[in-house]
Structures are given as C-alpha cells and as structure tokens.
Amino acid sequence: AAFTGQFTNLHQGFEELHELESAAGRTGPRGAKTSREYVDRLVEWLEGHRDVPSFVYLHVFDPHPPYEPYRPYDTMWADPKGREEYLREQELLKKFIASPLLADRGMATRDELIKAGLDPEAYLRYSKDWYDGSIRGMDAEIARLVERLRELGLGDRTVIAFFADHGEEFHDHGRMWHG
C-alpha cells in the first residue's frame, strides 16, 4: 500500500493508493502537512492487515513550504504574535520574487527580501522556526505510528527505513529552496 499522492509518481506498482486529496476534513495548516492524516490512515489500514505480510510506503512532507506546522508545534519556536505579519510578508513577497514557482512559496533571495522592504534575518528566522516546528510535528506523528505498531504486535516484525529527497536551504547558497 502506498500512502502518497499521484503527483509524485511514487505510487506506481502498488496495489493500493491512499491519497490525501480524498481525505475529508484535512487538518494541516494551508494544506502542506501530511503526516497526521497519513499516519491516521495507515494505522487504520494496519489494523485490518496486521496478519498479512505487506510493504507500505509512507510519504510525508511536512517540512515543505508553507512551513506552518500543526499546533502545538507552530509556537514551539515561533512567536505566535508574529504569525499574521509573517503571512502578510509572504503575500507581499510574491510580487518581488522572479521565479513563479518560488514566489508561490514565499521563497525569496536576500535581494528580493530587501527590495520588498523586509528584514531578511527576521523573515528567515520565522521561516526556520516554522520549519523546525514542522520537523518536530512530523517526528511526533512517526513516534505515534511506531507506538501503534508495538501495540498491534508488529513492532518486532517491522522494518522502518527513512530517507529524504533533499533538505532546505535558507540562504546558505543565496536562495531559499531545496538544499
């Protein structure tokens, strides 16, 4: 079973596809968070397939823009009083970012931030705070999955492998994007 989206093409070859696009009542802020819904769906699936050998692919991408994490991780590092200002800045930036792909995500170069009249360090700090919160929230969901595997008696019969396709760059090489 694959818990991913067709847009990645990583669903090919699986007998079952579980996409978030078909999940009612998405709870992730602004649609970028996937771990909570996918873990909920995977746990339900595991409960019905616990006696069947299986391979499951779980694709979560919480630490992607927009970075705003689930509660309580949205304020773990980021000051909640800065949320509205940060969101306003993201909208403002869209007019100053040359790349349409990056503009949609509020991922500006230092020069683009300055042209927009924003403080690059403050913008990056809030972005990183939400990024860190997204990672922490995703980690909590994976921990919840591992605990449920143990409760179902699958803990010792399950191999979990983690991999990532990229990290994030916060002006390390002059831009915000994949590192």
N, C-alpha and C. Protein backbone atom coordinates (compact mmCIF):
# COMPACT_ATOMS: atom_id res chain seq x y z
N ALA A 1 0.85 -1.18 0.00
CA ALA A 1 0.00 0.00 0.00
C ALA A 1 0.89 1.23 0.00
N ALA A 2 0.49 2.22 -0.75
CA ALA A 2 1.22 3.48 -0.81
C ALA A 2 0.37 4.59 -0.22
N PHE A 3 0.94 5.32 0.69
CA PHE A 3 0.30 6.49 1.28
C PHE A 3 1.07 7.69 0.76
N THR A 4 0.66 8.15 -0.40
CA THR A 4 1.33 9.23 -1.11
C THR A 4 0.34 9.84 -2.10
N GLY A 5 0.82 10.70 -2.95
CA GLY A 5 -0.04 11.30 -3.96
C GLY A 5 0.42 10.92 -5.35
N GLN A 6 -0.49 10.92 -6.31
CA GLN A 6 -0.14 10.57 -7.68
C GLN A 6 0.82 11.57 -8.30
N PHE A 7 0.83 12.80 -7.79
CA PHE A 7 1.70 13.83 -8.38
C PHE A 7 3.17 13.46 -8.29
N THR A 8 3.54 12.57 -7.39
CA THR A 8 4.94 12.17 -7.24
C THR A 8 5.32 11.02 -8.16
N ASN A 9 4.34 10.29 -8.65
CA ASN A 9 4.52 9.06 -9.43
C ASN A 9 5.16 7.95 -8.59
N LEU A 10 5.24 8.13 -7.30
CA LEU A 10 5.82 7.10 -6.43
C LEU A 10 4.80 6.03 -6.06
N HIS A 11 3.60 6.16 -6.55
CA HIS A 11 2.54 5.20 -6.27
C HIS A 11 2.57 4.02 -7.25
N GLN A 12 3.36 4.12 -8.29
CA GLN A 12 3.36 3.09 -9.32
C GLN A 12 3.80 1.75 -8.76
N GLY A 13 3.08 0.70 -9.10
CA GLY A 13 3.42 -0.65 -8.68
C GLY A 13 2.74 -1.09 -7.40
N PHE A 14 2.05 -0.20 -6.73
CA PHE A 14 1.34 -0.57 -5.50
C PHE A 14 -0.09 -0.98 -5.83
N GLU A 15 -0.59 -1.95 -5.10
CA GLU A 15 -1.96 -2.41 -5.30
C GLU A 15 -2.98 -1.43 -4.74
N GLU A 16 -2.59 -0.70 -3.72
CA GLU A 16 -3.50 0.28 -3.09
C GLU A 16 -2.81 1.63 -3.03
N LEU A 17 -3.59 2.68 -3.28
CA LEU A 17 -3.10 4.04 -3.16
C LEU A 17 -4.02 4.80 -2.22
N HIS A 18 -3.43 5.41 -1.22
CA HIS A 18 -4.18 6.24 -0.27
C HIS A 18 -3.66 7.67 -0.41
N GLU A 19 -4.50 8.53 -0.99
CA GLU A 19 -4.11 9.92 -1.24
C GLU A 19 -4.81 10.85 -0.28
N LEU A 20 -4.16 11.93 0.05
CA LEU A 20 -4.80 12.93 0.90
C LEU A 20 -5.89 13.69 0.16
N GLU A 21 -5.78 13.78 -1.14
CA GLU A 21 -6.79 14.51 -1.89
C GLU A 21 -8.19 13.93 -1.65
N SER A 22 -8.23 12.66 -1.26
CA SER A 22 -9.52 12.03 -1.00
C SER A 22 -9.86 12.01 0.49
N ALA A 23 -9.02 12.64 1.32
CA ALA A 23 -9.28 12.67 2.76
C ALA A 23 -10.20 13.83 3.10
N ALA A 24 -11.27 13.53 3.77
CA ALA A 24 -12.21 14.58 4.18
C ALA A 24 -11.67 15.29 5.41
N GLY A 25 -11.92 16.58 5.49
CA GLY A 25 -11.58 17.33 6.70
C GLY A 25 -10.10 17.46 6.96
N ARG A 26 -9.32 17.80 5.94
CA ARG A 26 -7.88 17.98 6.12
C ARG A 26 -7.61 18.90 7.30
N THR A 27 -6.65 18.54 8.14
CA THR A 27 -6.37 19.33 9.33
C THR A 27 -5.07 20.11 9.25
N GLY A 28 -4.25 19.86 8.25
CA GLY A 28 -2.97 20.54 8.15
C GLY A 28 -3.14 22.00 7.76
N PRO A 29 -2.36 22.88 8.39
CA PRO A 29 -2.46 24.29 8.05
C PRO A 29 -2.07 24.53 6.59
N ARG A 30 -2.95 25.17 5.87
CA ARG A 30 -2.71 25.56 4.49
C ARG A 30 -2.34 24.38 3.60
N GLY A 31 -2.68 23.17 3.97
CA GLY A 31 -2.56 22.01 3.10
C GLY A 31 -1.19 21.38 2.93
N ALA A 32 -0.15 21.87 3.59
CA ALA A 32 1.19 21.33 3.35
C ALA A 32 1.56 20.18 4.28
N LYS A 33 0.85 19.99 5.35
CA LYS A 33 1.22 18.97 6.32
C LYS A 33 0.48 17.68 6.02
N THR A 34 1.21 16.57 6.03
CA THR A 34 0.63 15.30 5.65
C THR A 34 0.76 14.21 6.69
N SER A 35 1.69 14.31 7.62
CA SER A 35 1.98 13.17 8.50
C SER A 35 0.80 12.78 9.37
N ARG A 36 0.08 13.71 9.91
CA ARG A 36 -1.03 13.37 10.82
C ARG A 36 -2.11 12.57 10.08
N GLU A 37 -2.53 13.05 8.92
CA GLU A 37 -3.57 12.34 8.18
C GLU A 37 -3.09 10.99 7.67
N TYR A 38 -1.86 10.97 7.14
CA TYR A 38 -1.36 9.70 6.62
C TYR A 38 -1.15 8.68 7.74
N VAL A 39 -0.65 9.10 8.88
CA VAL A 39 -0.48 8.16 9.99
C VAL A 39 -1.84 7.66 10.46
N ASP A 40 -2.83 8.54 10.55
CA ASP A 40 -4.18 8.10 10.91
C ASP A 40 -4.67 7.02 9.95
N ARG A 41 -4.52 7.27 8.66
CA ARG A 41 -4.99 6.31 7.65
C ARG A 41 -4.18 5.02 7.67
N LEU A 42 -2.87 5.15 7.85
CA LEU A 42 -2.01 3.97 7.88
C LEU A 42 -2.32 3.10 9.09
N VAL A 43 -2.51 3.70 10.24
CA VAL A 43 -2.85 2.93 11.45
C VAL A 43 -4.14 2.15 11.22
N GLU A 44 -5.13 2.79 10.65
CA GLU A 44 -6.39 2.10 10.35
C GLU A 44 -6.15 0.94 9.38
N TRP A 45 -5.33 1.17 8.37
CA TRP A 45 -5.02 0.14 7.39
C TRP A 45 -4.28 -1.02 8.06
N LEU A 46 -3.31 -0.71 8.91
CA LEU A 46 -2.54 -1.75 9.61
C LEU A 46 -3.42 -2.61 10.49
N GLU A 47 -4.40 -2.01 11.13
CA GLU A 47 -5.31 -2.76 11.99
C GLU A 47 -6.05 -3.83 11.21
N GLY A 48 -6.33 -3.57 9.95
CA GLY A 48 -7.02 -4.55 9.11
C GLY A 48 -6.10 -5.48 8.36
N HIS A 49 -4.80 -5.23 8.39
CA HIS A 49 -3.84 -6.04 7.63
C HIS A 49 -2.70 -6.57 8.50
N ARG A 50 -2.89 -6.61 9.78
CA ARG A 50 -1.79 -6.95 10.69
C ARG A 50 -1.29 -8.38 10.53
N ASP A 51 -2.11 -9.28 9.98
CA ASP A 51 -1.70 -10.67 9.81
C ASP A 51 -1.25 -10.99 8.38
N VAL A 52 -1.12 -9.96 7.57
CA VAL A 52 -0.76 -10.15 6.16
C VAL A 52 0.61 -9.53 5.91
N PRO A 53 1.57 -10.31 5.38
CA PRO A 53 2.85 -9.69 5.04
C PRO A 53 2.61 -8.55 4.05
N SER A 54 3.26 -7.44 4.28
CA SER A 54 2.99 -6.30 3.41
C SER A 54 4.18 -5.36 3.36
N PHE A 55 4.17 -4.55 2.32
CA PHE A 55 5.13 -3.48 2.15
C PHE A 55 4.33 -2.19 2.06
N VAL A 56 4.70 -1.23 2.88
CA VAL A 56 3.98 0.04 2.91
C VAL A 56 4.97 1.17 2.64
N TYR A 57 4.56 2.06 1.77
CA TYR A 57 5.33 3.27 1.51
C TYR A 57 4.55 4.45 2.07
N LEU A 58 5.14 5.15 3.01
CA LEU A 58 4.51 6.32 3.64
C LEU A 58 5.32 7.55 3.26
N HIS A 59 4.71 8.46 2.53
CA HIS A 59 5.39 9.67 2.05
C HIS A 59 4.80 10.88 2.75
N VAL A 60 5.54 11.40 3.71
CA VAL A 60 5.11 12.62 4.40
C VAL A 60 6.05 13.74 4.01
N PHE A 61 5.51 14.94 3.92
CA PHE A 61 6.36 16.06 3.52
C PHE A 61 6.05 17.32 4.31
N ASP A 62 5.92 17.15 5.61
CA ASP A 62 5.61 18.28 6.49
C ASP A 62 6.63 19.42 6.41
N PRO A 63 7.93 19.15 6.37
CA PRO A 63 8.87 20.28 6.33
C PRO A 63 9.05 20.84 4.92
N HIS A 64 7.96 21.15 4.27
CA HIS A 64 7.94 21.80 2.97
C HIS A 64 7.11 23.08 3.10
N PRO A 65 7.37 24.03 2.22
CA PRO A 65 6.56 25.26 2.30
C PRO A 65 5.11 24.99 1.89
N PRO A 66 4.16 25.66 2.47
CA PRO A 66 4.35 26.61 3.56
C PRO A 66 4.70 25.86 4.84
N TYR A 67 5.64 26.38 5.59
CA TYR A 67 6.21 25.67 6.72
C TYR A 67 5.33 25.62 7.96
N GLU A 68 4.26 26.36 8.00
CA GLU A 68 3.45 26.45 9.23
C GLU A 68 3.07 25.06 9.75
N PRO A 69 3.55 24.71 10.93
CA PRO A 69 3.29 23.37 11.47
C PRO A 69 1.95 23.27 12.20
N TYR A 70 1.61 22.03 12.54
CA TYR A 70 0.45 21.77 13.39
C TYR A 70 0.65 22.40 14.75
N ARG A 71 -0.46 22.65 15.44
CA ARG A 71 -0.37 23.01 16.86
C ARG A 71 0.01 21.75 17.63
N PRO A 72 0.78 21.77 18.64
CA PRO A 72 1.37 22.91 19.32
C PRO A 72 2.73 23.31 18.76
N TYR A 73 3.14 22.69 17.67
CA TYR A 73 4.49 22.90 17.13
C TYR A 73 4.63 24.24 16.42
N ASP A 74 3.50 24.88 16.10
CA ASP A 74 3.54 26.18 15.43
C ASP A 74 4.12 27.27 16.33
N THR A 75 4.05 27.06 17.64
CA THR A 75 4.58 28.06 18.57
C THR A 75 5.74 27.51 19.41
N MET A 76 6.24 26.35 19.06
CA MET A 76 7.34 25.77 19.82
C MET A 76 8.58 26.65 19.73
N TRP A 77 8.83 27.19 18.54
CA TRP A 77 9.96 28.11 18.35
C TRP A 77 9.48 29.48 17.87
N ALA A 78 8.44 29.52 17.08
CA ALA A 78 7.97 30.79 16.51
C ALA A 78 7.05 31.52 17.48
N ASP A 79 7.21 32.82 17.55
CA ASP A 79 6.36 33.66 18.39
C ASP A 79 4.99 33.77 17.72
N PRO A 80 3.92 33.33 18.39
CA PRO A 80 2.59 33.37 17.76
C PRO A 80 2.16 34.78 17.39
N LYS A 81 2.70 35.78 18.05
CA LYS A 81 2.33 37.17 17.73
C LYS A 81 2.87 37.58 16.36
N GLY A 82 3.85 36.86 15.85
CA GLY A 82 4.42 37.20 14.55
C GLY A 82 3.78 36.51 13.37
N ARG A 83 2.81 35.62 13.62
CA ARG A 83 2.21 34.83 12.55
C ARG A 83 1.58 35.68 11.45
N GLU A 84 0.69 36.57 11.81
CA GLU A 84 -0.03 37.36 10.81
C GLU A 84 0.93 38.22 9.99
N GLU A 85 1.92 38.79 10.66
CA GLU A 85 2.91 39.61 9.96
C GLU A 85 3.71 38.76 8.97
N TYR A 86 4.10 37.57 9.39
CA TYR A 86 4.86 36.68 8.51
C TYR A 86 4.02 36.29 7.29
N LEU A 87 2.76 35.95 7.50
CA LEU A 87 1.88 35.59 6.39
C LEU A 87 1.68 36.79 5.45
N ARG A 88 1.57 37.97 6.01
CA ARG A 88 1.44 39.18 5.19
C ARG A 88 2.70 39.38 4.35
N GLU A 89 3.85 39.16 4.97
CA GLU A 89 5.12 39.30 4.26
C GLU A 89 5.23 38.30 3.12
N GLN A 90 4.76 37.07 3.35
CA GLN A 90 4.79 36.07 2.28
C GLN A 90 3.97 36.53 1.08
N GLU A 91 2.80 37.08 1.33
CA GLU A 91 1.96 37.59 0.24
C GLU A 91 2.64 38.75 -0.47
N LEU A 92 3.18 39.67 0.29
CA LEU A 92 3.88 40.83 -0.28
C LEU A 92 5.04 40.39 -1.16
N LEU A 93 5.78 39.41 -0.71
CA LEU A 93 6.97 38.94 -1.43
C LEU A 93 6.67 38.40 -2.81
N LYS A 94 5.49 37.84 -3.01
CA LYS A 94 5.16 37.23 -4.30
C LYS A 94 5.38 38.19 -5.46
N LYS A 95 5.21 39.48 -5.23
CA LYS A 95 5.40 40.48 -6.29
C LYS A 95 6.88 40.73 -6.59
N PHE A 96 7.77 40.34 -5.69
CA PHE A 96 9.18 40.66 -5.83
C PHE A 96 10.05 39.46 -6.20
N ILE A 97 9.50 38.27 -6.16
CA ILE A 97 10.27 37.06 -6.45
C ILE A 97 10.15 36.75 -7.93
N ALA A 98 11.30 36.63 -8.60
CA ALA A 98 11.33 36.46 -10.05
C ALA A 98 10.73 35.12 -10.50
N SER A 99 11.01 34.05 -9.79
CA SER A 99 10.53 32.72 -10.18
C SER A 99 9.10 32.50 -9.71
N PRO A 100 8.17 32.21 -10.62
CA PRO A 100 6.79 31.94 -10.19
C PRO A 100 6.69 30.75 -9.23
N LEU A 101 7.49 29.73 -9.44
CA LEU A 101 7.49 28.56 -8.57
C LEU A 101 7.88 28.95 -7.15
N LEU A 102 8.93 29.75 -7.02
CA LEU A 102 9.40 30.16 -5.70
C LEU A 102 8.52 31.25 -5.11
N ALA A 103 7.95 32.08 -5.95
CA ALA A 103 7.06 33.15 -5.46
C ALA A 103 5.85 32.57 -4.76
N ASP A 104 5.30 31.52 -5.32
CA ASP A 104 4.12 30.88 -4.73
C ASP A 104 4.40 30.36 -3.33
N ARG A 105 5.66 30.06 -3.05
CA ARG A 105 6.05 29.50 -1.76
C ARG A 105 6.70 30.55 -0.84
N GLY A 106 6.82 31.78 -1.30
CA GLY A 106 7.43 32.83 -0.47
C GLY A 106 8.90 32.63 -0.25
N MET A 107 9.59 32.02 -1.22
CA MET A 107 10.99 31.67 -1.07
C MET A 107 11.85 32.66 -1.85
N ALA A 108 12.30 33.68 -1.16
CA ALA A 108 12.99 34.80 -1.78
C ALA A 108 14.49 34.77 -1.55
N THR A 109 15.21 35.40 -2.47
CA THR A 109 16.63 35.66 -2.25
C THR A 109 16.75 36.82 -1.26
N ARG A 110 17.94 37.04 -0.78
CA ARG A 110 18.17 38.18 0.12
C ARG A 110 17.82 39.48 -0.59
N ASP A 111 18.25 39.63 -1.84
CA ASP A 111 17.96 40.86 -2.59
C ASP A 111 16.46 41.06 -2.77
N GLU A 112 15.72 39.98 -3.02
CA GLU A 112 14.26 40.10 -3.18
C GLU A 112 13.60 40.52 -1.87
N LEU A 113 14.09 40.00 -0.76
CA LEU A 113 13.56 40.42 0.54
C LEU A 113 13.82 41.90 0.79
N ILE A 114 15.01 42.35 0.46
CA ILE A 114 15.35 43.76 0.65
C ILE A 114 14.51 44.64 -0.27
N LYS A 115 14.34 44.23 -1.54
CA LYS A 115 13.50 45.00 -2.48
C LYS A 115 12.07 45.13 -1.97
N ALA A 116 11.61 44.10 -1.27
CA ALA A 116 10.25 44.13 -0.71
C ALA A 116 10.19 44.95 0.58
N GLY A 117 11.33 45.44 1.03
CA GLY A 117 11.37 46.25 2.25
C GLY A 117 11.33 45.43 3.52
N LEU A 118 11.73 44.16 3.44
CA LEU A 118 11.67 43.27 4.60
C LEU A 118 13.07 43.03 5.16
N ASP A 119 13.10 42.66 6.42
CA ASP A 119 14.34 42.31 7.10
C ASP A 119 14.65 40.83 6.80
N PRO A 120 15.69 40.56 5.99
CA PRO A 120 15.98 39.17 5.63
C PRO A 120 16.19 38.25 6.83
N GLU A 121 16.91 38.73 7.85
CA GLU A 121 17.19 37.88 9.01
C GLU A 121 15.90 37.52 9.76
N ALA A 122 15.02 38.48 9.94
CA ALA A 122 13.76 38.21 10.65
C ALA A 122 12.88 37.26 9.85
N TYR A 123 12.81 37.44 8.53
CA TYR A 123 12.00 36.57 7.68
C TYR A 123 12.54 35.14 7.73
N LEU A 124 13.85 35.01 7.60
CA LEU A 124 14.45 33.67 7.65
C LEU A 124 14.29 33.03 9.01
N ARG A 125 14.40 33.82 10.07
CA ARG A 125 14.24 33.28 11.42
C ARG A 125 12.85 32.67 11.60
N TYR A 126 11.81 33.37 11.16
CA TYR A 126 10.46 32.84 11.31
C TYR A 126 10.26 31.61 10.42
N SER A 127 10.82 31.66 9.21
CA SER A 127 10.74 30.50 8.31
C SER A 127 11.39 29.29 8.95
N LYS A 128 12.58 29.48 9.52
CA LYS A 128 13.29 28.37 10.17
C LYS A 128 12.55 27.88 11.41
N ASP A 129 11.96 28.79 12.15
CA ASP A 129 11.19 28.38 13.34
C ASP A 129 10.02 27.49 12.95
N TRP A 130 9.32 27.86 11.89
CA TRP A 130 8.21 27.01 11.43
C TRP A 130 8.73 25.71 10.82
N TYR A 131 9.83 25.78 10.10
CA TYR A 131 10.45 24.59 9.53
C TYR A 131 10.80 23.60 10.65
N ASP A 132 11.45 24.11 11.70
CA ASP A 132 11.79 23.26 12.84
C ASP A 132 10.54 22.70 13.50
N GLY A 133 9.50 23.50 13.63
CA GLY A 133 8.24 23.03 14.18
C GLY A 133 7.60 21.95 13.33
N SER A 134 7.72 22.09 12.00
CA SER A 134 7.19 21.08 11.09
C SER A 134 7.91 19.75 11.26
N ILE A 135 9.22 19.82 11.40
CA ILE A 135 10.00 18.60 11.62
C ILE A 135 9.62 17.96 12.95
N ARG A 136 9.49 18.76 13.99
CA ARG A 136 9.12 18.23 15.31
C ARG A 136 7.73 17.61 15.29
N GLY A 137 6.80 18.25 14.61
CA GLY A 137 5.45 17.70 14.50
C GLY A 137 5.44 16.39 13.73
N MET A 138 6.20 16.32 12.65
CA MET A 138 6.29 15.10 11.87
C MET A 138 6.92 13.99 12.71
N ASP A 139 7.94 14.33 13.47
CA ASP A 139 8.59 13.37 14.36
C ASP A 139 7.59 12.79 15.36
N ALA A 140 6.74 13.63 15.90
CA ALA A 140 5.73 13.16 16.86
C ALA A 140 4.76 12.19 16.20
N GLU A 141 4.41 12.44 14.95
CA GLU A 141 3.49 11.54 14.25
C GLU A 141 4.15 10.20 13.94
N ILE A 142 5.43 10.22 13.57
CA ILE A 142 6.15 8.96 13.33
C ILE A 142 6.27 8.18 14.64
N ALA A 143 6.51 8.87 15.75
CA ALA A 143 6.56 8.20 17.05
C ALA A 143 5.22 7.56 17.37
N ARG A 144 4.14 8.25 17.03
CA ARG A 144 2.80 7.69 17.26
C ARG A 144 2.61 6.42 16.42
N LEU A 145 3.08 6.43 15.19
CA LEU A 145 2.99 5.25 14.33
C LEU A 145 3.80 4.09 14.92
N VAL A 146 5.02 4.35 15.35
CA VAL A 146 5.87 3.30 15.92
C VAL A 146 5.22 2.71 17.17
N GLU A 147 4.66 3.55 18.00
CA GLU A 147 3.97 3.07 19.20
C GLU A 147 2.79 2.18 18.83
N ARG A 148 2.04 2.58 17.82
CA ARG A 148 0.88 1.78 17.39
C ARG A 148 1.33 0.44 16.81
N LEU A 149 2.45 0.43 16.09
CA LEU A 149 2.99 -0.83 15.58
C LEU A 149 3.29 -1.77 16.74
N ARG A 150 3.87 -1.24 17.81
CA ARG A 150 4.15 -2.06 19.00
C ARG A 150 2.85 -2.60 19.60
N GLU A 151 1.86 -1.72 19.74
CA GLU A 151 0.58 -2.13 20.32
C GLU A 151 -0.10 -3.22 19.50
N LEU A 152 0.09 -3.19 18.19
CA LEU A 152 -0.51 -4.19 17.31
C LEU A 152 0.32 -5.47 17.24
N GLY A 153 1.44 -5.52 17.95
CA GLY A 153 2.31 -6.68 17.92
C GLY A 153 3.16 -6.74 16.66
N LEU A 154 3.30 -5.63 15.98
CA LEU A 154 4.06 -5.58 14.74
C LEU A 154 5.44 -4.96 14.92
N GLY A 155 5.74 -4.47 16.10
CA GLY A 155 6.99 -3.76 16.32
C GLY A 155 8.23 -4.56 15.99
N ASP A 156 8.27 -5.82 16.41
CA ASP A 156 9.44 -6.67 16.16
C ASP A 156 9.43 -7.30 14.78
N ARG A 157 8.32 -7.14 14.05
CA ARG A 157 8.21 -7.73 12.71
C ARG A 157 8.21 -6.67 11.62
N THR A 158 8.59 -5.46 11.98
CA THR A 158 8.53 -4.35 11.03
C THR A 158 9.90 -3.71 10.87
N VAL A 159 10.26 -3.48 9.63
CA VAL A 159 11.48 -2.74 9.31
C VAL A 159 11.04 -1.36 8.84
N ILE A 160 11.61 -0.34 9.44
CA ILE A 160 11.30 1.03 9.05
C ILE A 160 12.57 1.66 8.50
N ALA A 161 12.48 2.18 7.30
CA ALA A 161 13.61 2.88 6.67
C ALA A 161 13.20 4.31 6.39
N PHE A 162 14.06 5.24 6.73
CA PHE A 162 13.81 6.66 6.49
C PHE A 162 14.75 7.16 5.40
N PHE A 163 14.21 7.97 4.52
CA PHE A 163 15.06 8.65 3.55
C PHE A 163 14.42 9.97 3.17
N ALA A 164 15.25 10.84 2.64
CA ALA A 164 14.78 12.16 2.22
C ALA A 164 15.31 12.45 0.83
N ASP A 165 14.55 13.22 0.08
CA ASP A 165 15.00 13.57 -1.27
C ASP A 165 15.81 14.85 -1.29
N HIS A 166 15.73 15.65 -0.24
CA HIS A 166 16.50 16.89 -0.16
C HIS A 166 16.31 17.52 1.21
N GLY A 167 17.13 18.49 1.51
CA GLY A 167 16.94 19.34 2.68
C GLY A 167 16.46 20.70 2.21
N GLU A 168 16.47 21.65 3.08
CA GLU A 168 16.05 23.01 2.72
C GLU A 168 17.23 23.95 2.84
N GLU A 169 17.24 24.94 2.00
CA GLU A 169 18.26 25.98 2.03
C GLU A 169 17.62 27.28 2.47
N PHE A 170 18.20 27.89 3.48
CA PHE A 170 17.74 29.18 3.97
C PHE A 170 18.86 30.20 3.76
N HIS A 171 19.10 30.50 2.50
CA HIS A 171 20.14 31.43 2.05
C HIS A 171 21.55 30.90 2.29
N ASP A 172 21.70 29.61 2.52
CA ASP A 172 23.03 29.03 2.67
C ASP A 172 23.86 29.24 1.40
N HIS A 173 23.17 29.22 0.26
CA HIS A 173 23.81 29.44 -1.04
C HIS A 173 23.09 30.55 -1.80
N GLY A 174 22.50 31.47 -1.06
CA GLY A 174 21.91 32.65 -1.67
C GLY A 174 20.43 32.61 -1.97
N ARG A 175 19.76 31.53 -1.66
CA ARG A 175 18.35 31.40 -2.00
C ARG A 175 17.64 30.55 -0.96
N MET A 176 16.34 30.61 -0.97
CA MET A 176 15.52 29.67 -0.18
C MET A 176 14.99 28.65 -1.17
N TRP A 177 15.28 27.40 -0.93
CA TRP A 177 14.78 26.34 -1.79
C TRP A 177 15.38 25.05 -1.31
N HIS A 178 15.35 24.03 -2.12
CA HIS A 178 15.92 22.74 -1.76
C HIS A 178 17.42 22.88 -1.60
N GLY A 179 17.93 22.30 -0.51
CA GLY A 179 19.37 22.37 -0.24
C GLY A 179 20.11 21.25 -0.90
